[in-house]
N, C-alpha and C. Protein backbone atom coordinates (compact mmCIF):
# COMPACT_ATOMS: atom_id res chain seq x y z
N MET A 1 69.28 -35.19 3.27
CA MET A 1 69.86 -35.14 4.24
C MET A 1 69.55 -36.38 5.44
N MET A 2 68.75 -36.93 5.75
CA MET A 2 68.94 -37.69 6.92
C MET A 2 69.63 -38.61 6.52
N GLN A 3 69.59 -39.42 5.19
CA GLN A 3 69.76 -40.18 4.12
C GLN A 3 71.59 -40.49 4.57
N ALA A 4 72.09 -39.38 3.78
CA ALA A 4 73.29 -39.09 3.63
C ALA A 4 73.47 -39.43 5.28
N GLU A 5 73.00 -38.97 6.44
CA GLU A 5 73.93 -39.06 8.04
C GLU A 5 73.66 -40.56 8.17
N ILE A 6 72.49 -41.46 7.64
CA ILE A 6 72.15 -42.81 8.46
C ILE A 6 73.88 -43.29 7.64
N ASN A 7 74.15 -43.07 6.19
CA ASN A 7 74.85 -43.74 5.84
C ASN A 7 76.47 -43.65 6.32
N LYS A 8 77.02 -42.32 6.80
CA LYS A 8 77.90 -41.54 7.71
C LYS A 8 77.70 -42.58 8.73
N ALA A 9 77.28 -42.52 9.61
CA ALA A 9 76.64 -43.06 11.61
C ALA A 9 76.97 -44.74 10.80
N LEU A 10 76.45 -45.27 9.70
CA LEU A 10 76.35 -46.49 9.85
C LEU A 10 77.91 -47.35 9.41
N GLN A 11 78.97 -46.44 8.48
CA GLN A 11 79.97 -46.83 7.93
C GLN A 11 80.65 -46.67 9.43
N ILE A 12 80.40 -45.60 10.14
CA ILE A 12 81.79 -45.59 11.57
C ILE A 12 80.88 -46.74 12.41
N LEU A 13 79.81 -47.19 12.82
CA LEU A 13 79.71 -48.01 13.66
C LEU A 13 79.69 -49.60 13.04
N LYS A 14 80.00 -49.37 11.56
CA LYS A 14 80.61 -50.68 11.18
C LYS A 14 81.80 -51.34 11.07
N LYS A 15 82.75 -49.80 11.41
CA LYS A 15 84.34 -49.70 11.69
C LYS A 15 84.77 -50.05 13.30
N GLY A 16 83.64 -49.96 13.83
CA GLY A 16 83.65 -50.19 15.29
C GLY A 16 84.19 -48.91 16.29
N GLY A 17 83.59 -47.75 15.18
CA GLY A 17 83.28 -46.57 15.95
C GLY A 17 82.17 -46.31 16.88
N ILE A 18 82.30 -44.92 17.59
CA ILE A 18 80.86 -44.31 18.31
C ILE A 18 80.43 -42.95 17.73
N ILE A 19 78.95 -43.36 18.15
CA ILE A 19 78.10 -41.85 17.16
C ILE A 19 77.41 -41.10 18.47
N LEU A 20 77.34 -40.24 18.36
CA LEU A 20 76.77 -39.58 18.98
C LEU A 20 75.75 -39.01 17.99
N PHE A 21 74.60 -39.30 18.67
CA PHE A 21 73.08 -38.77 17.81
C PHE A 21 71.74 -38.77 18.40
N PRO A 22 70.86 -38.15 17.99
CA PRO A 22 68.98 -38.29 18.57
C PRO A 22 68.16 -38.90 18.57
N THR A 23 67.38 -38.99 19.39
CA THR A 23 66.82 -40.43 19.38
C THR A 23 65.36 -40.04 19.51
N ASP A 24 64.55 -40.46 20.04
CA ASP A 24 63.00 -39.88 19.99
C ASP A 24 63.04 -39.40 21.68
N THR A 25 63.89 -39.49 22.31
CA THR A 25 64.05 -38.97 23.71
C THR A 25 65.00 -37.84 24.08
N GLU A 26 66.46 -38.59 23.56
CA GLU A 26 67.69 -37.49 24.13
C GLU A 26 68.42 -37.67 23.12
N TRP A 27 69.85 -36.93 23.26
CA TRP A 27 71.23 -37.28 22.58
C TRP A 27 71.97 -37.98 23.27
N VAL A 28 72.08 -39.66 22.84
CA VAL A 28 73.23 -40.78 23.14
C VAL A 28 74.01 -40.96 22.34
N ILE A 29 75.08 -41.89 23.39
CA ILE A 29 76.38 -42.19 22.45
C ILE A 29 76.01 -43.51 21.99
N GLY A 30 76.29 -44.19 21.04
CA GLY A 30 76.26 -45.26 20.60
C GLY A 30 77.04 -45.95 19.80
N CYS A 31 77.07 -46.98 19.80
CA CYS A 31 77.59 -48.02 19.26
C CYS A 31 76.98 -49.44 18.41
N ASP A 32 77.55 -50.56 17.60
CA ASP A 32 77.39 -51.78 17.08
C ASP A 32 76.80 -53.00 18.47
N ALA A 33 76.16 -53.05 19.16
CA ALA A 33 75.63 -54.08 20.39
C ALA A 33 76.67 -55.03 20.34
N SER A 34 77.22 -55.54 18.89
CA SER A 34 78.08 -56.63 18.98
C SER A 34 79.35 -56.41 18.56
N ASN A 35 79.88 -55.58 19.03
CA ASN A 35 81.51 -54.89 19.05
C ASN A 35 81.80 -54.33 20.94
N GLN A 36 82.68 -55.75 21.38
CA GLN A 36 82.94 -55.25 22.44
C GLN A 36 83.46 -53.68 22.84
N THR A 37 84.56 -53.99 21.83
CA THR A 37 86.05 -52.68 21.77
C THR A 37 85.20 -51.32 21.99
N ALA A 38 83.72 -51.13 20.91
CA ALA A 38 82.93 -50.43 20.99
C ALA A 38 82.69 -50.31 21.96
N VAL A 39 82.12 -51.00 22.65
CA VAL A 39 81.26 -50.76 23.93
C VAL A 39 82.26 -50.36 25.01
N ASN A 40 83.21 -50.70 25.00
CA ASN A 40 84.68 -50.34 25.85
C ASN A 40 84.81 -48.74 25.78
N LYS A 41 84.88 -48.19 24.55
CA LYS A 41 85.19 -47.40 24.14
C LYS A 41 83.80 -45.92 24.80
N ILE A 42 82.97 -46.66 24.48
CA ILE A 42 81.71 -46.13 25.56
C ILE A 42 81.75 -45.49 26.86
N LEU A 43 82.06 -46.96 27.27
CA LEU A 43 82.38 -47.03 29.23
C LEU A 43 83.43 -45.84 29.53
N THR A 44 84.64 -46.00 28.28
CA THR A 44 86.04 -44.76 28.63
C THR A 44 85.29 -43.40 29.01
N LEU A 45 84.34 -43.24 27.58
CA LEU A 45 84.07 -41.62 27.00
C LEU A 45 83.43 -41.36 28.37
N ASN A 46 82.58 -41.94 28.75
CA ASN A 46 81.24 -41.96 29.86
C ASN A 46 81.90 -42.13 31.05
N LYS A 47 83.32 -42.20 31.12
CA LYS A 47 83.22 -42.71 33.03
C LYS A 47 82.74 -43.68 33.41
N SER A 48 82.31 -44.77 33.12
CA SER A 48 81.27 -45.51 33.80
C SER A 48 81.92 -47.06 33.48
N LYS A 49 81.51 -47.69 34.59
CA LYS A 49 81.99 -49.05 34.61
C LYS A 49 80.76 -49.96 34.26
N ASN A 50 79.77 -49.29 34.44
CA ASN A 50 78.42 -49.84 34.59
C ASN A 50 77.53 -50.19 33.21
N THR A 51 77.59 -51.08 32.91
CA THR A 51 77.16 -51.32 31.29
C THR A 51 75.58 -51.91 31.55
N ASN A 52 75.25 -51.70 32.52
CA ASN A 52 73.43 -51.63 33.32
C ASN A 52 73.23 -49.92 32.48
N HIS A 53 73.70 -49.79 32.50
CA HIS A 53 73.31 -48.30 32.15
C HIS A 53 72.89 -48.05 30.24
N PHE A 54 73.27 -48.98 29.78
CA PHE A 54 72.79 -49.34 28.50
C PHE A 54 71.70 -49.22 28.08
N VAL A 55 71.09 -48.94 27.06
CA VAL A 55 69.49 -49.12 26.37
C VAL A 55 69.85 -49.89 24.92
N CYS A 56 69.74 -50.73 25.01
CA CYS A 56 69.69 -51.17 23.09
C CYS A 56 68.35 -50.80 22.32
N LEU A 57 68.76 -50.09 21.15
CA LEU A 57 67.62 -49.93 20.32
C LEU A 57 67.57 -50.94 18.95
N VAL A 58 66.53 -51.19 18.78
CA VAL A 58 66.14 -52.45 18.10
C VAL A 58 64.86 -51.35 16.63
N PRO A 59 64.79 -51.90 15.54
CA PRO A 59 63.85 -51.07 14.83
C PRO A 59 62.43 -51.65 14.72
N ASP A 60 62.05 -52.81 15.35
CA ASP A 60 60.70 -53.67 15.27
C ASP A 60 60.77 -54.70 16.20
N GLU A 61 59.76 -55.20 16.08
CA GLU A 61 59.17 -56.77 17.46
C GLU A 61 60.27 -57.39 16.51
N ARG A 62 60.35 -57.46 15.64
CA ARG A 62 61.22 -58.90 14.54
C ARG A 62 62.96 -58.99 15.07
N MET A 63 62.92 -57.70 15.19
CA MET A 63 64.54 -57.53 15.63
C MET A 63 64.76 -57.39 16.84
N LEU A 64 63.84 -57.38 17.88
CA LEU A 64 63.41 -57.56 19.17
C LEU A 64 63.86 -59.14 19.59
N LYS A 65 62.97 -59.62 18.94
CA LYS A 65 63.37 -61.05 19.19
C LYS A 65 63.99 -62.37 18.82
N LYS A 66 65.53 -61.19 18.31
CA LYS A 66 67.01 -61.43 18.33
C LYS A 66 67.28 -61.68 19.09
N TYR A 67 67.14 -61.11 20.13
CA TYR A 67 67.71 -60.20 21.16
C TYR A 67 67.04 -60.86 22.83
N VAL A 68 66.16 -61.42 22.67
CA VAL A 68 65.51 -61.92 23.82
C VAL A 68 64.90 -63.20 23.53
N LYS A 69 65.28 -64.03 24.39
CA LYS A 69 64.67 -65.30 24.29
C LYS A 69 63.34 -65.67 23.98
N GLN A 70 62.84 -64.85 25.27
CA GLN A 70 61.26 -65.17 25.47
C GLN A 70 60.44 -63.18 25.76
N ILE A 71 59.99 -63.26 24.24
CA ILE A 71 59.02 -61.81 24.56
C ILE A 71 58.16 -61.79 25.62
N PRO A 72 57.66 -61.50 26.67
CA PRO A 72 56.47 -61.73 27.22
C PRO A 72 55.40 -61.14 26.05
N SER A 73 54.17 -61.63 26.80
CA SER A 73 52.91 -61.00 25.71
C SER A 73 52.64 -59.49 26.40
N THR A 74 52.87 -59.53 27.63
CA THR A 74 52.57 -58.32 28.49
C THR A 74 53.40 -57.22 27.54
N ALA A 75 54.92 -57.31 26.83
CA ALA A 75 55.77 -56.56 26.53
C ALA A 75 55.01 -56.03 25.08
N LEU A 76 54.44 -56.96 24.19
CA LEU A 76 53.83 -56.63 22.94
C LEU A 76 52.52 -55.79 23.00
N ASN A 77 51.97 -56.36 24.05
CA ASN A 77 50.38 -55.17 24.33
C ASN A 77 51.46 -53.72 25.18
N ILE A 78 52.01 -53.87 25.42
CA ILE A 78 52.45 -52.28 26.00
C ILE A 78 52.98 -51.70 24.92
N LEU A 79 53.66 -52.28 23.83
CA LEU A 79 54.29 -52.10 22.47
C LEU A 79 52.89 -51.03 21.81
N GLU A 80 52.07 -52.16 21.73
CA GLU A 80 50.84 -51.64 21.12
C GLU A 80 50.40 -50.70 21.22
N ILE A 81 49.92 -50.24 22.94
CA ILE A 81 49.20 -49.27 22.92
C ILE A 81 49.61 -48.38 24.06
N THR A 82 51.15 -47.88 23.92
CA THR A 82 51.85 -47.12 24.62
C THR A 82 52.03 -45.69 23.71
N ASP A 83 51.50 -44.66 24.30
CA ASP A 83 51.61 -43.51 23.28
C ASP A 83 53.29 -42.72 23.57
N GLN A 84 53.89 -43.15 24.83
CA GLN A 84 54.95 -42.45 25.30
C GLN A 84 56.33 -43.41 24.82
N PRO A 85 57.49 -43.05 24.63
CA PRO A 85 58.76 -44.08 24.45
C PRO A 85 58.58 -44.72 25.75
N THR A 86 59.17 -45.98 25.35
CA THR A 86 59.38 -47.39 26.68
C THR A 86 60.12 -47.86 26.55
N THR A 87 60.88 -48.12 27.51
CA THR A 87 62.28 -49.14 27.49
C THR A 87 61.76 -50.16 28.19
N ILE A 88 61.76 -51.42 28.13
CA ILE A 88 61.81 -52.41 28.78
C ILE A 88 62.88 -52.98 28.78
N ILE A 89 63.15 -53.71 30.31
CA ILE A 89 63.94 -54.62 30.61
C ILE A 89 63.36 -56.12 30.09
N TYR A 90 63.88 -56.73 29.54
CA TYR A 90 63.78 -58.28 29.22
C TYR A 90 64.70 -58.92 30.18
N ASP A 91 63.36 -60.24 30.42
CA ASP A 91 64.75 -61.47 31.17
C ASP A 91 65.25 -62.44 29.82
N GLU A 92 66.56 -62.70 30.26
CA GLU A 92 66.91 -64.13 28.81
C GLU A 92 67.64 -63.15 27.51
N ALA A 93 68.31 -62.20 27.93
CA ALA A 93 68.88 -61.46 26.65
C ALA A 93 69.52 -62.50 25.86
N GLN A 94 70.16 -62.57 24.62
CA GLN A 94 70.65 -63.27 23.78
C GLN A 94 71.51 -62.71 22.43
N ASN A 95 72.37 -63.03 22.18
CA ASN A 95 73.19 -62.64 20.90
C ASN A 95 73.79 -61.26 21.14
N LEU A 96 74.19 -60.71 21.84
CA LEU A 96 74.32 -59.25 22.02
C LEU A 96 76.35 -59.48 22.96
N THR A 97 77.03 -58.81 23.10
CA THR A 97 77.90 -58.84 23.78
C THR A 97 77.87 -58.42 25.20
N LEU A 98 78.56 -60.01 25.89
CA LEU A 98 77.97 -60.47 27.30
C LEU A 98 78.07 -59.41 28.19
N SER A 99 79.36 -58.10 28.03
CA SER A 99 79.11 -57.10 28.68
C SER A 99 78.13 -56.38 29.24
N LEU A 100 77.39 -56.41 27.98
CA LEU A 100 75.71 -55.64 27.91
C LEU A 100 74.87 -56.09 28.40
N ILE A 101 74.76 -57.46 28.79
CA ILE A 101 74.02 -58.34 29.35
C ILE A 101 73.71 -57.84 30.90
N ALA A 102 72.71 -57.87 31.94
CA ALA A 102 73.10 -57.56 33.20
C ALA A 102 73.31 -58.61 34.19
N ASN A 103 73.82 -58.96 35.07
CA ASN A 103 74.34 -59.92 36.05
C ASN A 103 73.02 -61.14 36.22
N ASP A 104 71.94 -60.90 36.04
CA ASP A 104 70.42 -60.95 35.94
C ASP A 104 70.15 -62.31 34.87
N GLY A 105 70.49 -61.47 33.85
CA GLY A 105 70.54 -61.88 32.28
C GLY A 105 69.87 -60.95 31.25
N SER A 106 69.57 -60.10 31.87
CA SER A 106 68.07 -59.03 31.61
C SER A 106 69.34 -58.27 30.56
N ILE A 107 68.20 -57.46 29.83
CA ILE A 107 68.86 -56.22 28.68
C ILE A 107 67.80 -55.33 28.64
N ALA A 108 68.00 -54.17 28.62
CA ALA A 108 67.27 -53.31 28.67
C ALA A 108 67.35 -52.49 26.98
N ILE A 109 66.08 -52.70 26.46
CA ILE A 109 65.70 -52.67 25.31
C ILE A 109 64.60 -51.50 24.74
N ARG A 110 64.74 -50.68 23.69
CA ARG A 110 63.89 -49.69 23.20
C ARG A 110 63.60 -50.00 21.68
N ILE A 111 62.20 -49.55 21.24
CA ILE A 111 61.87 -49.47 20.13
C ILE A 111 61.71 -47.84 19.63
N PRO A 112 62.41 -47.39 19.71
CA PRO A 112 62.34 -46.17 19.58
C PRO A 112 61.10 -45.41 18.59
N ASP A 113 60.62 -44.46 18.41
CA ASP A 113 60.02 -43.53 17.66
C ASP A 113 60.67 -42.56 16.66
N ASN A 114 61.65 -42.73 16.05
CA ASN A 114 62.28 -42.11 15.31
C ASN A 114 62.92 -42.77 14.06
N ASP A 115 62.31 -41.85 12.80
CA ASP A 115 62.80 -42.19 11.36
C ASP A 115 64.58 -42.33 11.39
N PHE A 116 65.44 -41.40 12.11
CA PHE A 116 66.67 -42.09 11.92
C PHE A 116 66.91 -43.53 12.31
N CYS A 117 66.81 -43.37 13.94
CA CYS A 117 67.06 -44.59 14.58
C CYS A 117 66.28 -45.77 14.23
N TYR A 118 65.36 -45.84 13.65
CA TYR A 118 64.65 -46.80 12.28
C TYR A 118 65.90 -47.58 11.33
N TRP A 119 66.03 -46.45 10.92
CA TRP A 119 66.82 -46.77 9.36
C TRP A 119 67.75 -47.30 9.55
N LEU A 120 68.42 -46.58 11.00
CA LEU A 120 70.23 -46.80 11.05
C LEU A 120 70.14 -48.54 11.84
N THR A 121 69.16 -48.65 12.83
CA THR A 121 69.34 -50.29 12.98
C THR A 121 68.74 -50.91 12.09
N ARG A 122 68.08 -50.76 11.09
CA ARG A 122 67.50 -51.84 9.80
C ARG A 122 68.90 -51.86 8.71
N LYS A 123 69.24 -50.83 8.46
CA LYS A 123 70.60 -51.08 7.76
C LYS A 123 71.51 -52.02 8.36
N LEU A 124 71.75 -51.01 9.74
CA LEU A 124 72.92 -52.35 10.71
C LEU A 124 72.81 -53.63 10.42
N ASN A 125 70.99 -54.15 10.53
CA ASN A 125 70.74 -55.00 10.59
C ASN A 125 71.25 -55.95 12.14
N GLY A 126 71.11 -54.83 12.94
CA GLY A 126 71.33 -55.38 14.57
C GLY A 126 70.81 -54.47 15.39
N THR A 127 71.20 -54.05 16.67
CA THR A 127 70.90 -53.43 17.69
C THR A 127 72.00 -52.17 18.11
N ILE A 128 71.91 -51.27 18.41
CA ILE A 128 72.68 -50.17 18.85
C ILE A 128 72.21 -49.98 20.33
N ALA A 129 73.72 -50.18 20.96
CA ALA A 129 73.72 -49.76 22.73
C ALA A 129 74.16 -48.40 22.41
N THR A 130 73.49 -48.03 23.62
CA THR A 130 73.15 -46.80 23.85
C THR A 130 73.61 -46.36 25.33
N ILE A 131 73.79 -45.33 25.72
CA ILE A 131 74.00 -44.91 26.84
C ILE A 131 73.73 -43.16 26.50
N THR A 132 73.18 -42.76 27.96
CA THR A 132 73.20 -40.97 28.07
C THR A 132 74.44 -40.17 28.06
N THR A 133 74.48 -39.17 27.58
CA THR A 133 75.38 -38.24 27.12
C THR A 133 75.49 -37.29 28.73
N SER A 134 74.51 -37.42 29.14
CA SER A 134 74.29 -36.77 30.60
C SER A 134 75.46 -37.17 31.92
N THR A 135 75.85 -36.69 32.66
CA THR A 135 77.14 -37.00 33.83
C THR A 135 76.08 -37.79 34.63
N ASP A 136 74.64 -36.71 34.82
CA ASP A 136 73.97 -37.08 35.93
C ASP A 136 72.88 -38.48 35.57
N LYS A 137 73.29 -39.48 35.93
CA LYS A 137 71.99 -40.40 35.51
C LYS A 137 71.03 -40.32 35.53
N GLN A 138 70.17 -39.31 36.52
CA GLN A 138 68.79 -38.92 36.68
C GLN A 138 68.46 -38.05 35.89
N LYS A 139 69.14 -37.00 35.55
CA LYS A 139 68.58 -36.39 34.78
C LYS A 139 69.23 -36.08 33.24
N PRO A 140 68.61 -36.78 32.26
CA PRO A 140 69.52 -36.42 30.63
C PRO A 140 68.97 -35.23 30.31
N LEU A 141 69.78 -35.18 29.67
CA LEU A 141 69.87 -33.77 28.71
C LEU A 141 68.96 -33.38 27.75
N LYS A 142 68.84 -32.41 27.74
CA LYS A 142 67.19 -31.91 26.93
C LYS A 142 67.66 -31.38 25.27
N SER A 143 68.81 -30.82 25.31
CA SER A 143 69.39 -30.57 23.95
C SER A 143 70.51 -30.62 23.58
N PHE A 144 71.39 -30.60 22.81
CA PHE A 144 72.64 -30.84 22.05
C PHE A 144 73.15 -29.99 22.93
N LYS A 145 72.98 -28.54 22.97
CA LYS A 145 73.63 -27.62 23.62
C LYS A 145 73.85 -27.80 24.93
N GLU A 146 73.92 -28.56 25.26
CA GLU A 146 74.13 -29.19 26.64
C GLU A 146 75.13 -30.16 26.72
N ILE A 147 75.43 -30.82 26.14
CA ILE A 147 76.54 -32.11 25.80
C ILE A 147 77.79 -31.40 25.75
N THR A 148 78.68 -32.09 26.76
CA THR A 148 79.87 -31.52 27.26
C THR A 148 80.53 -31.58 25.98
N PRO A 149 81.86 -30.56 25.80
CA PRO A 149 82.85 -30.47 25.05
C PRO A 149 83.86 -31.67 24.70
N ALA A 150 83.58 -32.50 25.82
CA ALA A 150 84.46 -33.62 26.17
C ALA A 150 83.76 -34.61 25.14
N ILE A 151 82.70 -35.26 25.60
CA ILE A 151 81.68 -35.62 24.72
C ILE A 151 81.87 -35.65 23.14
N LEU A 152 81.57 -34.40 22.49
CA LEU A 152 81.62 -33.92 21.80
C LEU A 152 82.73 -34.34 20.72
N LYS A 153 84.15 -33.99 21.33
CA LYS A 153 85.39 -34.46 20.96
C LYS A 153 85.72 -36.16 20.96
N GLY A 154 84.72 -37.08 21.83
CA GLY A 154 85.51 -38.00 22.58
C GLY A 154 84.67 -39.03 21.05
N VAL A 155 83.87 -38.83 20.57
CA VAL A 155 83.31 -39.92 19.55
C VAL A 155 83.31 -39.54 18.43
N ASP A 156 83.27 -40.73 17.34
CA ASP A 156 83.65 -40.66 16.13
C ASP A 156 83.04 -39.88 15.10
N TYR A 157 82.09 -39.69 15.57
CA TYR A 157 80.91 -39.14 14.44
C TYR A 157 79.68 -38.21 15.13
N VAL A 158 79.45 -37.29 15.13
CA VAL A 158 78.24 -36.18 15.62
C VAL A 158 77.36 -36.11 14.39
N VAL A 159 76.41 -36.76 14.31
CA VAL A 159 74.89 -37.22 13.23
C VAL A 159 74.82 -35.66 13.35
N ASN A 160 74.74 -34.99 12.22
CA ASN A 160 74.01 -33.74 11.75
C ASN A 160 72.50 -33.53 11.75
N LEU A 161 71.60 -34.36 12.97
CA LEU A 161 70.34 -33.67 12.53
C LEU A 161 69.65 -33.69 14.08
N HIS A 162 69.02 -32.21 14.29
CA HIS A 162 68.11 -32.00 15.46
C HIS A 162 69.02 -31.36 16.22
N HIS A 163 69.85 -30.52 15.91
CA HIS A 163 70.84 -29.81 17.06
C HIS A 163 69.58 -29.13 17.60
N GLU A 164 68.77 -28.52 17.05
CA GLU A 164 68.30 -27.70 17.80
C GLU A 164 66.70 -27.98 18.66
N LYS A 165 66.52 -29.04 18.84
CA LYS A 165 65.39 -29.75 19.47
C LYS A 165 65.71 -30.11 20.70
N THR A 166 64.55 -29.91 21.04
CA THR A 166 64.32 -29.84 22.80
C THR A 166 63.92 -30.95 23.40
N PHE A 167 64.54 -31.96 23.83
CA PHE A 167 63.67 -33.10 24.31
C PHE A 167 62.58 -32.74 25.53
N SER A 168 61.49 -33.37 26.05
CA SER A 168 61.10 -32.68 27.12
C SER A 168 60.72 -34.04 28.29
N LYS A 169 60.78 -35.00 27.79
CA LYS A 169 60.35 -36.17 28.80
C LYS A 169 61.17 -37.47 28.50
N PRO A 170 62.36 -37.90 29.70
CA PRO A 170 62.89 -39.77 29.28
C PRO A 170 62.09 -40.65 28.89
N PRO A 171 62.54 -41.58 28.50
CA PRO A 171 61.48 -43.00 28.41
C PRO A 171 61.07 -43.21 29.99
N SER A 172 59.48 -44.12 29.52
CA SER A 172 59.29 -45.26 30.68
C SER A 172 60.41 -45.89 30.89
N ILE A 173 60.39 -46.62 31.92
CA ILE A 173 61.08 -47.50 31.95
C ILE A 173 60.10 -48.75 32.67
N ILE A 174 60.38 -50.13 32.47
CA ILE A 174 59.55 -50.97 32.56
C ILE A 174 60.54 -52.39 32.85
N LYS A 175 60.41 -53.01 34.23
CA LYS A 175 60.89 -54.64 33.81
C LYS A 175 59.82 -55.45 33.99
N LEU A 176 59.66 -56.39 32.54
CA LEU A 176 58.84 -57.35 32.36
C LEU A 176 59.56 -59.07 32.70
N SER A 177 59.29 -59.35 33.79
CA SER A 177 59.91 -60.46 33.99
C SER A 177 59.19 -61.66 33.21
N ASN A 178 60.02 -63.11 33.03
CA ASN A 178 59.10 -64.11 32.48
C ASN A 178 57.72 -64.81 33.14
N ASN A 179 58.20 -64.58 34.87
CA ASN A 179 57.57 -65.07 35.87
C ASN A 179 55.98 -64.33 35.35
N GLY A 180 55.91 -63.33 35.02
CA GLY A 180 54.67 -62.27 34.50
C GLY A 180 55.17 -61.12 36.21
N ILE A 181 56.19 -60.87 36.28
CA ILE A 181 56.18 -60.13 37.05
C ILE A 181 56.18 -58.36 36.69
N VAL A 182 55.77 -57.42 37.08
CA VAL A 182 55.94 -56.39 36.45
C VAL A 182 56.20 -55.34 37.35
N LYS A 183 57.40 -54.71 37.15
CA LYS A 183 58.09 -53.32 38.01
C LYS A 183 58.20 -52.51 37.26
N ILE A 184 57.37 -51.34 37.36
CA ILE A 184 57.65 -49.79 37.15
C ILE A 184 58.83 -49.27 37.53
N ILE A 185 60.12 -48.92 36.46
CA ILE A 185 61.22 -48.21 37.57
C ILE A 185 61.05 -46.79 37.32
N ARG A 186 60.67 -46.09 35.97
CA ARG A 186 60.60 -44.72 35.93
C ARG A 186 59.01 -44.63 34.57
N GLU A 187 57.91 -43.82 35.37
CA GLU A 187 56.92 -43.69 34.89
C GLU A 187 57.07 -42.49 33.57
């Protein structure tokens, strides 16, 4: 079942489509982060002009190095010891659609603890740009049934996994600057 869903989602992503899928923290809308047209489709669907709300998902540290020029050693330590989902905002993003990179050159990236996300990003051999399905950026949706009909109709594919799952906590967000400054945005 999961392999079939990965293949369907991958096919849509490679065609420039957008998908709705579960991560380890919530349901998100996602696309191939190298496709500006797909990023624009998500912004239109989510009624947002702010690409700073995007989080890119990568499968592992090897792929992380493709999108961040210099990974602070603190980041690797955090990723190794944390037991909760953590999004890290890195300086000096690279190899991404320019609209995903913040004005200060940073990018938010997470390595999700989720088999579907891992294999989808591995098979894509790239990162997936994601944005929350919530209209209130402060309160992520806890379940599939909370997603609005407009979002469900607006994506090119809805992954048929974990529709019954309830998510309990959004990821921590930490900004790690290359100069050693660490800023906790959300615990």
